[in-house]
Amino acid sequence: MQAKSPVHSDMYPSSYYLNTAKELYEHPQLRERIDVDVCVVGGGFSGINTAIELAQKGFSVALLEAKRIGWGASGRNGGELIRGIGHNIEQFRNVIGDEGVSAINQMGFEAVDIVRQRVAEHNIDCNLQMGYCDLAMRPRHMKELKQDFDDLVSQGRGEGFTLLEKKDMGRVIGSNCYEGALVDMNSGHLHPLNLALGEARVARELGVKMFEYSAAQKIIKGDKPKVITEHGEVNCQYLVLAGNAYIGHQLDGYVGGKVLPAGSYLLATEPLSDEQCKDIIPQDMAFADMRIDLDYFHLSEDNRLLFGGLCTYSGKDPKDIEAALRPNLEKVFPQLKGVKIDFEWGGMIGIGANRLPQIGRIPDCPNIMYAQAYSGHGVNATHMAAKLIAEALSAQAGRFDIFDKIQHMTFPGGPTFRSPMLAAGMLYHRFLDIF
């Protein structure tokens, strides 16, 4: 069994992704005082792509990462590139209006296009494969998928989508667990750490000053914010906080209090035979079911099944990730019972109370912006958030302001009590999910 090292480490956590990383590059630690137009805190998808978007617009940018580029959720997630931003956008119609709802829905498609274009334009080797299925486990899930499909068709966006009934499921998956599916050939899967590392290379080529092992220890607000690290200092015109689940209360309580770190975990099997791959996933698609405690999975470039789920809100990692996830894997694919697991790993994603990405300005400091709380759909939404921040700093804030208008609840109880409170609340939603 590989990947038994701790989930959290200053070096990259051991994972299948690290074992197959292609563009590892060690950036220096900040050890001086520098002046730039924009300082970005966080070296994941949000931070790297904000730096890219701003550098392309002529801004000078410094990026500070506390550990390594892609160390957090960006380098450990399920690698599923899925259309859509947020959950139940209709709940915000009274705040952002019809145009705002329509704009966010459109951005859900644009976000995937941003990733696809970046990968193609910059030759990023991250095994991007198109094809994804939402899996229905209950009759009510099928009703939701049919409504989604009908809406897509009525909006003229039905190309690439197919609604499958239970009898047709063998076309896409070798499992009897599901009532049906919505096939989306405009979404897909990729190697997330290789995407992050490739995008970091793009940022470097654009002149972004990137620093690792350079945690932001203190922010001094004002007309020209300062970010203090252990050995250096960044003076800037604008500051972007992109630490997501790892931002913490200490750096900024307003931003840190609105995002909850929640654990998500993955397994990677031994390489499967071509026959096994065709038996379980005949079309090399990515999958996720529609429960609160969802399973998500797809095949890797070297024929491993990457299987994830087990979202935890307690702040504690499972003692044995394989023991926790293997029953789920073998329920979905009983033909893989006893398969050898070569890698297990996990990390923290950021979740907000209303499950809409939080993209905005700190109220008393409009020159400090933030992007976080992607609720498990960050591969696409991070790239969209980066584009919106760059638009806002280029005096084109219309789309950014749609998100900035939406209020986000601060989790009660502070860092100590918010996770147990939410964990208790999620038990109620899990109970409802049974029916």
Protein backbone atom coordinates (compact mmCIF):
# COMPACT_ATOMS: atom_id res chain seq x y z
CA MET A 1 0.00 0.00 0.00
CA GLN A 2 1.39 3.39 -0.98
CA ALA A 3 0.48 6.90 0.12
CA LYS A 4 0.31 6.25 3.86
CA SER A 5 2.01 9.52 4.75
CA PRO A 6 -0.05 12.17 6.61
CA VAL A 7 -2.67 13.98 4.59
CA HIS A 8 -1.27 17.35 5.67
CA SER A 9 2.40 18.23 5.15
CA ASP A 10 4.49 21.23 4.15
CA MET A 11 5.69 19.13 1.24
CA TYR A 12 3.17 17.76 -1.22
CA PRO A 13 0.94 15.12 0.36
CA SER A 14 1.53 11.70 -1.10
CA SER A 15 -1.08 10.81 -3.73
CA TYR A 16 -1.53 9.27 -7.14
CA TYR A 17 -1.37 12.78 -8.57
CA LEU A 18 2.02 13.50 -7.01
CA ASN A 19 3.32 10.13 -8.22
CA THR A 20 2.42 11.13 -11.81
CA ALA A 21 3.20 14.87 -11.68
CA LYS A 22 4.85 16.20 -14.86
CA GLU A 23 5.93 19.82 -14.24
CA LEU A 24 7.13 19.96 -10.64
CA TYR A 25 9.02 23.19 -10.07
CA GLU A 26 10.25 24.64 -6.79
CA HIS A 27 9.68 28.38 -6.44
CA PRO A 28 11.78 30.51 -4.07
CA GLN A 29 10.75 31.73 -0.67
CA LEU A 30 10.05 35.45 -0.39
CA ARG A 31 13.02 37.03 1.40
CA GLU A 32 12.73 40.69 0.45
CA ARG A 33 10.38 43.64 0.19
CA ILE A 34 8.73 43.93 -3.20
CA ASP A 35 6.21 46.29 -4.81
CA VAL A 36 3.60 45.10 -7.33
CA ASP A 37 0.21 46.12 -8.63
CA VAL A 38 -1.50 43.01 -7.23
CA CYS A 39 -0.59 40.50 -4.54
CA VAL A 40 -2.38 37.15 -4.68
CA VAL A 41 -2.45 34.96 -1.56
CA GLY A 42 -2.91 31.29 -2.43
CA GLY A 43 -1.24 29.04 -4.98
CA GLY A 44 -4.19 26.93 -6.09
CA PHE A 45 -6.40 27.25 -9.15
CA SER A 46 -7.96 30.53 -7.97
CA GLY A 47 -4.66 32.21 -7.22
CA ILE A 48 -2.68 30.93 -10.19
CA ASN A 49 -5.39 31.82 -12.68
CA THR A 50 -6.02 35.22 -11.15
CA ALA A 51 -2.31 35.88 -11.61
CA ILE A 52 -2.47 34.69 -15.23
CA GLU A 53 -5.53 36.78 -16.08
CA LEU A 54 -4.05 39.91 -14.49
CA ALA A 55 -0.61 39.47 -16.03
CA GLN A 56 -2.22 39.12 -19.44
CA LYS A 57 -3.87 42.49 -18.82
CA GLY A 58 -0.54 44.15 -17.98
CA PHE A 59 -0.61 44.10 -14.17
CA SER A 60 2.51 43.25 -12.20
CA VAL A 61 1.66 40.36 -9.88
CA ALA A 62 3.21 38.53 -6.93
CA LEU A 63 1.75 35.24 -5.72
CA LEU A 64 2.35 33.92 -2.21
CA GLU A 65 1.82 30.25 -1.38
CA ALA A 66 2.23 28.98 2.16
CA LYS A 67 3.41 25.54 1.09
CA ARG A 68 3.71 24.33 -2.54
CA ILE A 69 1.84 25.31 -5.71
CA GLY A 70 -1.28 23.15 -5.90
CA TRP A 71 -0.69 21.79 -2.38
CA GLY A 72 -4.34 22.11 -1.30
CA ALA A 73 -7.57 21.05 -2.97
CA SER A 74 -6.34 22.11 -6.42
CA GLY A 75 -3.74 19.32 -6.43
CA ARG A 76 -5.77 16.65 -4.63
CA ASN A 77 -9.36 16.82 -5.87
CA GLY A 78 -11.39 14.36 -7.92
CA GLY A 79 -10.31 15.99 -11.17
CA GLU A 80 -13.83 16.39 -12.54
CA LEU A 81 -14.43 19.37 -14.83
CA ILE A 82 -18.20 19.85 -14.61
CA ARG A 83 -20.38 22.60 -16.04
CA GLY A 84 -22.29 24.84 -13.67
CA ILE A 85 -21.49 27.28 -10.89
CA GLY A 86 -23.25 27.03 -7.54
CA HIS A 87 -26.33 25.12 -6.50
CA ASN A 88 -29.94 26.24 -6.93
CA ILE A 89 -29.20 29.62 -8.49
CA GLU A 90 -32.94 30.39 -8.43
CA GLN A 91 -32.69 31.16 -4.71
CA PHE A 92 -30.77 34.35 -5.56
CA ARG A 93 -33.15 35.70 -8.21
CA ASN A 94 -34.64 38.31 -5.85
CA VAL A 95 -31.13 39.69 -5.20
CA ILE A 96 -29.48 39.55 -8.63
CA GLY A 97 -32.53 39.52 -10.87
CA ASP A 98 -33.27 37.57 -14.02
CA GLU A 99 -30.17 38.90 -15.76
CA GLY A 100 -27.94 37.84 -12.87
CA VAL A 101 -29.35 34.31 -12.80
CA SER A 102 -28.95 34.04 -16.57
CA ALA A 103 -25.38 35.35 -16.37
CA ILE A 104 -24.33 32.82 -13.72
CA ASN A 105 -25.87 29.98 -15.70
CA GLN A 106 -23.95 31.12 -18.79
CA MET A 107 -20.74 31.35 -16.78
CA GLY A 108 -21.18 27.71 -15.81
CA PHE A 109 -20.50 26.80 -19.43
CA GLU A 110 -17.85 29.49 -19.97
CA ALA A 111 -15.85 28.23 -16.98
CA VAL A 112 -15.32 24.84 -18.63
CA ASP A 113 -14.32 26.55 -21.87
CA ILE A 114 -11.68 28.61 -20.03
CA VAL A 115 -10.00 25.42 -18.80
CA ARG A 116 -10.19 23.71 -22.17
CA GLN A 117 -8.74 26.72 -23.96
CA ARG A 118 -5.92 27.17 -21.44
CA VAL A 119 -4.94 23.53 -21.71
CA ALA A 120 -4.94 23.65 -25.51
CA GLU A 121 -3.25 27.04 -25.89
CA HIS A 122 -0.41 26.28 -23.51
CA ASN A 123 0.01 22.56 -24.19
CA ILE A 124 -0.66 21.53 -20.58
CA ASP A 125 -0.32 17.74 -20.26
CA CYS A 126 -3.12 16.96 -17.80
CA ASN A 127 -5.00 14.15 -19.60
CA LEU A 128 -8.13 16.21 -20.24
CA GLN A 129 -10.90 13.86 -21.41
CA MET A 130 -14.43 14.97 -22.20
CA GLY A 131 -17.49 13.04 -21.05
CA TYR A 132 -19.34 13.12 -17.72
CA CYS A 133 -22.52 11.62 -16.19
CA ASP A 134 -24.78 12.78 -13.38
CA LEU A 135 -26.07 9.55 -11.82
CA ALA A 136 -29.59 9.21 -10.42
CA MET A 137 -29.99 6.94 -7.40
CA ARG A 138 -33.62 7.78 -6.62
CA PRO A 139 -36.71 8.35 -8.80
CA ARG A 140 -36.71 12.00 -7.69
CA HIS A 141 -33.16 12.31 -9.03
CA MET A 142 -34.41 11.23 -12.43
CA LYS A 143 -37.12 13.89 -12.30
CA GLU A 144 -34.44 16.49 -11.57
CA LEU A 145 -32.26 15.26 -14.43
CA LYS A 146 -35.17 15.30 -16.85
CA GLN A 147 -36.00 18.87 -15.84
CA ASP A 148 -32.34 19.83 -16.29
CA PHE A 149 -32.27 18.22 -19.73
CA ASP A 150 -35.52 19.91 -20.79
CA ASP A 151 -34.20 23.28 -19.62
CA LEU A 152 -30.99 22.81 -21.59
CA VAL A 153 -32.90 21.94 -24.74
CA SER A 154 -35.27 24.91 -24.33
CA GLN A 155 -32.26 27.22 -23.95
CA GLY A 156 -30.68 25.87 -27.12
CA ARG A 157 -27.88 24.18 -25.15
CA GLY A 158 -28.91 20.57 -25.61
CA GLU A 159 -26.06 19.56 -27.90
CA GLY A 160 -23.85 16.96 -26.23
CA PHE A 161 -26.46 15.97 -23.63
CA THR A 162 -28.33 12.65 -23.50
CA LEU A 163 -30.83 11.44 -20.90
CA LEU A 164 -30.47 7.72 -20.15
CA GLU A 165 -33.05 5.48 -18.49
CA LYS A 166 -32.07 2.54 -16.29
CA LYS A 167 -32.25 0.06 -19.16
CA ASP A 168 -29.69 2.07 -21.13
CA MET A 169 -27.11 2.52 -18.37
CA GLY A 170 -24.86 -0.27 -19.65
CA ARG A 171 -23.81 2.08 -22.45
CA VAL A 172 -21.87 4.22 -19.97
CA ILE A 173 -21.30 2.26 -16.76
CA GLY A 174 -21.05 -1.35 -15.60
CA SER A 175 -23.09 -0.93 -12.42
CA ASN A 176 -26.67 -1.71 -11.36
CA CYS A 177 -26.81 1.03 -8.71
CA TYR A 178 -28.46 3.75 -10.75
CA GLU A 179 -31.92 4.69 -11.99
CA GLY A 180 -30.53 6.62 -14.94
CA ALA A 181 -28.15 9.41 -15.90
CA LEU A 182 -27.67 12.66 -17.75
CA VAL A 183 -24.69 12.35 -20.09
CA ASP A 184 -22.78 15.60 -20.64
CA MET A 185 -20.10 15.44 -23.31
CA ASN A 186 -19.20 19.09 -22.63
CA SER A 187 -17.80 18.22 -19.19
CA GLY A 188 -15.08 15.72 -18.34
CA HIS A 189 -12.09 14.88 -16.18
CA LEU A 190 -8.37 15.64 -15.89
CA HIS A 191 -5.26 15.35 -13.71
CA PRO A 192 -5.71 18.36 -11.39
CA LEU A 193 -2.17 18.66 -10.05
CA ASN A 194 -0.73 18.58 -13.55
CA LEU A 195 -3.22 21.27 -14.56
CA ALA A 196 -2.14 23.46 -11.62
CA LEU A 197 1.57 22.89 -12.31
CA GLY A 198 1.11 23.62 -16.02
CA GLU A 199 -0.77 26.80 -15.25
CA ALA A 200 1.97 27.84 -12.82
CA ARG A 201 4.41 27.55 -15.71
CA VAL A 202 2.15 29.82 -17.76
CA ALA A 203 2.12 32.37 -14.93
CA ARG A 204 5.92 32.31 -14.66
CA GLU A 205 6.25 32.83 -18.41
CA LEU A 206 3.99 35.89 -18.09
CA GLY A 207 6.32 37.38 -15.49
CA VAL A 208 4.36 36.61 -12.31
CA LYS A 209 6.62 36.57 -9.25
CA MET A 210 5.75 33.29 -7.52
CA PHE A 211 6.85 32.34 -4.03
CA GLU A 212 6.42 29.13 -2.07
CA TYR A 213 6.97 28.51 1.66
CA SER A 214 5.81 32.13 2.04
CA ALA A 215 2.69 32.13 4.17
CA ALA A 216 0.91 35.45 4.56
CA GLN A 217 1.15 36.05 8.29
CA LYS A 218 -0.43 39.48 8.48
CA ILE A 219 -2.34 41.91 6.28
CA ILE A 220 -2.06 45.65 6.80
CA LYS A 221 -5.10 47.24 5.20
CA GLY A 222 -5.17 50.67 3.64
CA ASP A 223 -4.98 52.49 0.32
CA LYS A 224 -1.94 50.34 -0.42
CA PRO A 225 -2.25 47.00 1.39
CA LYS A 226 0.80 45.23 2.76
CA VAL A 227 1.22 41.48 3.18
CA ILE A 228 3.80 40.38 5.72
CA THR A 229 5.47 36.97 5.50
CA GLU A 230 8.08 35.43 7.78
CA HIS A 231 10.99 36.83 5.79
CA GLY A 232 9.47 39.35 3.39
CA GLU A 233 6.83 41.91 2.56
CA VAL A 234 4.65 42.70 -0.46
CA ASN A 235 3.29 46.21 -1.03
CA CYS A 236 0.48 46.39 -3.56
CA GLN A 237 -2.39 48.40 -4.96
CA TYR A 238 -4.78 45.45 -4.78
CA LEU A 239 -4.84 42.25 -2.75
CA VAL A 240 -6.63 39.02 -3.68
CA LEU A 241 -7.25 36.36 -1.02
CA ALA A 242 -7.51 32.95 -2.67
CA GLY A 243 -6.70 30.51 0.13
CA ASN A 244 -10.19 28.94 0.18
CA ALA A 245 -10.46 26.24 2.89
CA TYR A 246 -6.97 27.06 4.14
CA ILE A 247 -7.39 30.83 4.49
CA GLY A 248 -8.12 30.67 8.23
CA HIS A 249 -9.56 33.26 10.63
CA GLN A 250 -6.25 34.73 11.69
CA LEU A 251 -5.43 36.33 8.34
CA ASP A 252 -8.88 37.83 7.83
CA GLY A 253 -11.88 36.98 9.99
CA TYR A 254 -14.45 38.30 7.50
CA VAL A 255 -13.30 35.99 4.71
CA GLY A 256 -12.24 33.07 6.90
CA GLY A 257 -15.52 33.00 8.80
CA LYS A 258 -17.60 32.39 5.68
CA VAL A 259 -15.93 29.23 4.45
CA LEU A 260 -15.99 25.85 6.13
CA PRO A 261 -13.18 23.35 5.52
CA ALA A 262 -14.70 19.95 4.73
CA GLY A 263 -12.75 16.77 4.06
CA SER A 264 -12.99 14.78 0.83
CA TYR A 265 -11.03 11.60 0.11
CA LEU A 266 -9.91 9.40 -2.77
CA LEU A 267 -8.55 5.98 -3.63
CA ALA A 268 -6.57 4.90 -6.68
CA THR A 269 -6.65 1.20 -7.53
CA GLU A 270 -3.89 -0.79 -9.10
CA PRO A 271 -3.86 -0.53 -12.92
CA LEU A 272 -6.82 -2.44 -14.36
CA SER A 273 -6.80 -4.50 -17.51
CA ASP A 274 -8.35 -3.09 -20.68
CA GLU A 275 -11.17 -5.61 -20.28
CA GLN A 276 -11.88 -4.46 -16.72
CA CYS A 277 -11.94 -0.83 -17.81
CA LYS A 278 -14.40 -1.55 -20.62
CA ASP A 279 -16.55 -3.53 -18.19
CA ILE A 280 -16.89 -0.75 -15.61
CA ILE A 281 -16.52 2.46 -17.68
CA PRO A 282 -16.76 1.68 -21.39
CA GLN A 283 -16.52 5.30 -22.61
CA ASP A 284 -13.85 6.77 -20.24
CA MET A 285 -16.28 9.24 -18.66
CA ALA A 286 -16.31 10.84 -15.22
CA PHE A 287 -19.23 10.23 -12.86
CA ALA A 288 -20.85 11.62 -9.73
CA ASP A 289 -24.09 10.60 -8.11
CA MET A 290 -26.68 13.07 -6.85
CA ARG A 291 -26.65 12.39 -3.10
CA ILE A 292 -25.33 14.72 -0.40
CA ASP A 293 -22.73 12.04 0.44
CA LEU A 294 -21.90 11.48 -3.21
CA ASP A 295 -19.47 9.07 -4.83
CA TYR A 296 -17.41 10.39 -7.76
CA PHE A 297 -15.04 8.43 -9.97
CA HIS A 298 -13.31 8.00 -13.32
CA LEU A 299 -10.38 6.18 -14.90
CA SER A 300 -6.85 7.54 -14.91
CA GLU A 301 -4.56 7.72 -17.91
CA ASP A 302 -2.90 4.46 -16.80
CA ASN A 303 -6.17 2.54 -16.25
CA ARG A 304 -6.60 3.02 -12.51
CA LEU A 305 -10.02 3.66 -11.04
CA LEU A 306 -9.92 6.92 -9.08
CA PHE A 307 -12.80 6.73 -6.61
CA GLY A 308 -13.70 9.48 -4.17
CA GLY A 309 -16.30 10.75 -1.75
CA LEU A 310 -16.83 10.52 2.00
CA CYS A 311 -17.25 14.27 2.55
CA THR A 312 -16.71 14.98 6.26
CA TYR A 313 -17.64 18.14 8.15
CA SER A 314 -16.09 17.30 11.51
CA GLY A 315 -12.62 18.57 10.68
CA LYS A 316 -11.16 15.11 11.32
CA ASP A 317 -9.68 12.81 8.69
CA PRO A 318 -10.65 9.12 8.67
CA LYS A 319 -8.12 6.89 10.40
CA ASP A 320 -8.10 4.59 7.37
CA ILE A 321 -9.26 6.10 4.08
CA GLU A 322 -9.27 2.77 2.27
CA ALA A 323 -11.40 1.12 4.94
CA ALA A 324 -13.87 3.98 4.76
CA LEU A 325 -14.14 4.16 0.95
CA ARG A 326 -13.65 0.56 -0.22
CA PRO A 327 -17.24 -0.51 0.68
CA ASN A 328 -18.59 2.31 -1.49
CA LEU A 329 -16.33 1.34 -4.40
CA GLU A 330 -17.30 -2.34 -4.18
CA LYS A 331 -21.00 -1.50 -3.94
CA VAL A 332 -20.80 0.48 -7.19
CA PHE A 333 -18.50 -2.04 -8.88
CA PRO A 334 -18.87 -5.47 -7.19
CA GLN A 335 -16.78 -6.95 -10.01
CA LEU A 336 -13.79 -5.14 -8.47
CA LYS A 337 -14.22 -6.70 -5.03
CA GLY A 338 -10.80 -7.21 -3.47
CA VAL A 339 -8.99 -5.01 -5.99
CA LYS A 340 -5.65 -3.75 -4.72
CA ILE A 341 -5.55 -0.10 -3.67
CA ASP A 342 -2.23 1.59 -4.46
CA PHE A 343 -2.95 5.13 -3.25
CA GLU A 344 -5.21 6.85 -0.73
CA TRP A 345 -5.30 10.55 0.09
CA GLY A 346 -7.57 13.45 0.96
CA GLY A 347 -7.75 17.11 1.80
CA MET A 348 -10.00 20.05 2.53
CA ILE A 349 -12.47 21.70 0.18
CA GLY A 350 -14.19 24.98 1.02
CA ILE A 351 -17.97 25.09 1.51
CA GLY A 352 -20.22 28.11 2.05
CA ALA A 353 -23.61 28.09 3.72
CA ASN A 354 -25.53 28.71 0.47
CA ARG A 355 -23.17 26.65 -1.74
CA LEU A 356 -22.52 29.50 -4.15
CA PRO A 357 -18.89 30.48 -4.76
CA GLN A 358 -17.98 33.55 -2.76
CA ILE A 359 -16.46 36.19 -5.03
CA GLY A 360 -16.36 39.73 -3.72
CA ARG A 361 -14.68 42.61 -1.93
CA ILE A 362 -14.10 43.05 1.79
CA PRO A 363 -16.72 45.70 2.72
CA ASP A 364 -14.41 48.18 4.45
CA CYS A 365 -11.51 47.56 2.03
CA PRO A 366 -12.69 47.53 -1.60
CA ASN A 367 -9.11 47.05 -2.79
CA ILE A 368 -9.05 43.61 -1.11
CA MET A 369 -10.93 40.92 -3.03
CA TYR A 370 -11.50 37.23 -2.38
CA ALA A 371 -12.64 34.04 -4.10
CA GLN A 372 -13.48 30.83 -2.25
CA ALA A 373 -16.12 28.25 -1.20
CA TYR A 374 -16.57 26.28 -4.42
CA SER A 375 -18.32 23.41 -2.59
CA GLY A 376 -16.65 20.62 -4.50
CA HIS A 377 -16.94 22.13 -8.01
CA GLY A 378 -13.78 24.19 -7.98
CA VAL A 379 -11.97 22.99 -11.09
CA ASN A 380 -14.18 25.11 -13.32
CA ALA A 381 -15.46 27.76 -10.88
CA THR A 382 -11.97 28.82 -9.78
CA HIS A 383 -11.07 29.70 -13.35
CA MET A 384 -14.24 31.74 -13.75
CA ALA A 385 -13.61 33.55 -10.45
CA ALA A 386 -10.12 34.48 -11.62
CA LYS A 387 -11.49 35.95 -14.83
CA LEU A 388 -14.10 37.98 -12.93
CA ILE A 389 -11.50 39.43 -10.57
CA ALA A 390 -9.32 40.45 -13.50
CA GLU A 391 -12.33 42.04 -15.19
CA ALA A 392 -13.17 43.99 -12.03
CA LEU A 393 -9.61 45.32 -11.69
CA SER A 394 -9.79 46.38 -15.35
CA ALA A 395 -12.90 48.51 -14.77
CA GLN A 396 -15.26 45.87 -16.13
CA ALA A 397 -16.91 44.81 -12.89
CA GLY A 398 -20.41 43.99 -14.14
CA ARG A 399 -20.15 40.22 -13.82
CA PHE A 400 -18.03 40.39 -10.67
CA ASP A 401 -20.67 42.58 -9.02
CA ILE A 402 -23.35 39.93 -9.57
CA PHE A 403 -21.52 37.71 -7.10
CA ASP A 404 -20.53 40.59 -4.84
CA LYS A 405 -24.20 41.49 -4.29
CA ILE A 406 -24.97 38.13 -2.68
CA GLN A 407 -24.60 38.01 1.08
CA HIS A 408 -22.88 35.02 2.66
CA MET A 409 -23.49 33.87 6.19
CA THR A 410 -20.63 33.79 8.66
CA PHE A 411 -20.60 30.36 10.27
CA PRO A 412 -21.49 30.64 13.97
CA GLY A 413 -19.22 29.36 16.67
CA GLY A 414 -15.89 30.47 15.22
CA PRO A 415 -13.18 28.02 14.18
CA THR A 416 -13.77 25.75 17.21
CA PHE A 417 -17.50 25.09 17.02
CA ARG A 418 -18.59 25.72 13.42
CA SER A 419 -17.54 22.30 12.08
CA PRO A 420 -19.40 20.24 14.73
CA MET A 421 -22.49 22.42 14.27
CA LEU A 422 -22.48 21.94 10.52
CA ALA A 423 -21.78 18.22 10.89
CA ALA A 424 -24.93 17.93 13.00
CA GLY A 425 -26.90 19.90 10.43
CA MET A 426 -25.69 17.67 7.60
CA LEU A 427 -27.08 14.60 9.39
CA TYR A 428 -30.54 16.05 8.75
CA HIS A 429 -29.83 16.48 5.01
CA ARG A 430 -28.38 12.97 4.81
CA PHE A 431 -31.57 11.62 6.36
CA LEU A 432 -33.65 13.42 3.73
CA ASP A 433 -31.38 12.00 1.03
CA ILE A 434 -32.56 8.48 1.84
CA PHE A 435 -35.97 9.12 0.30
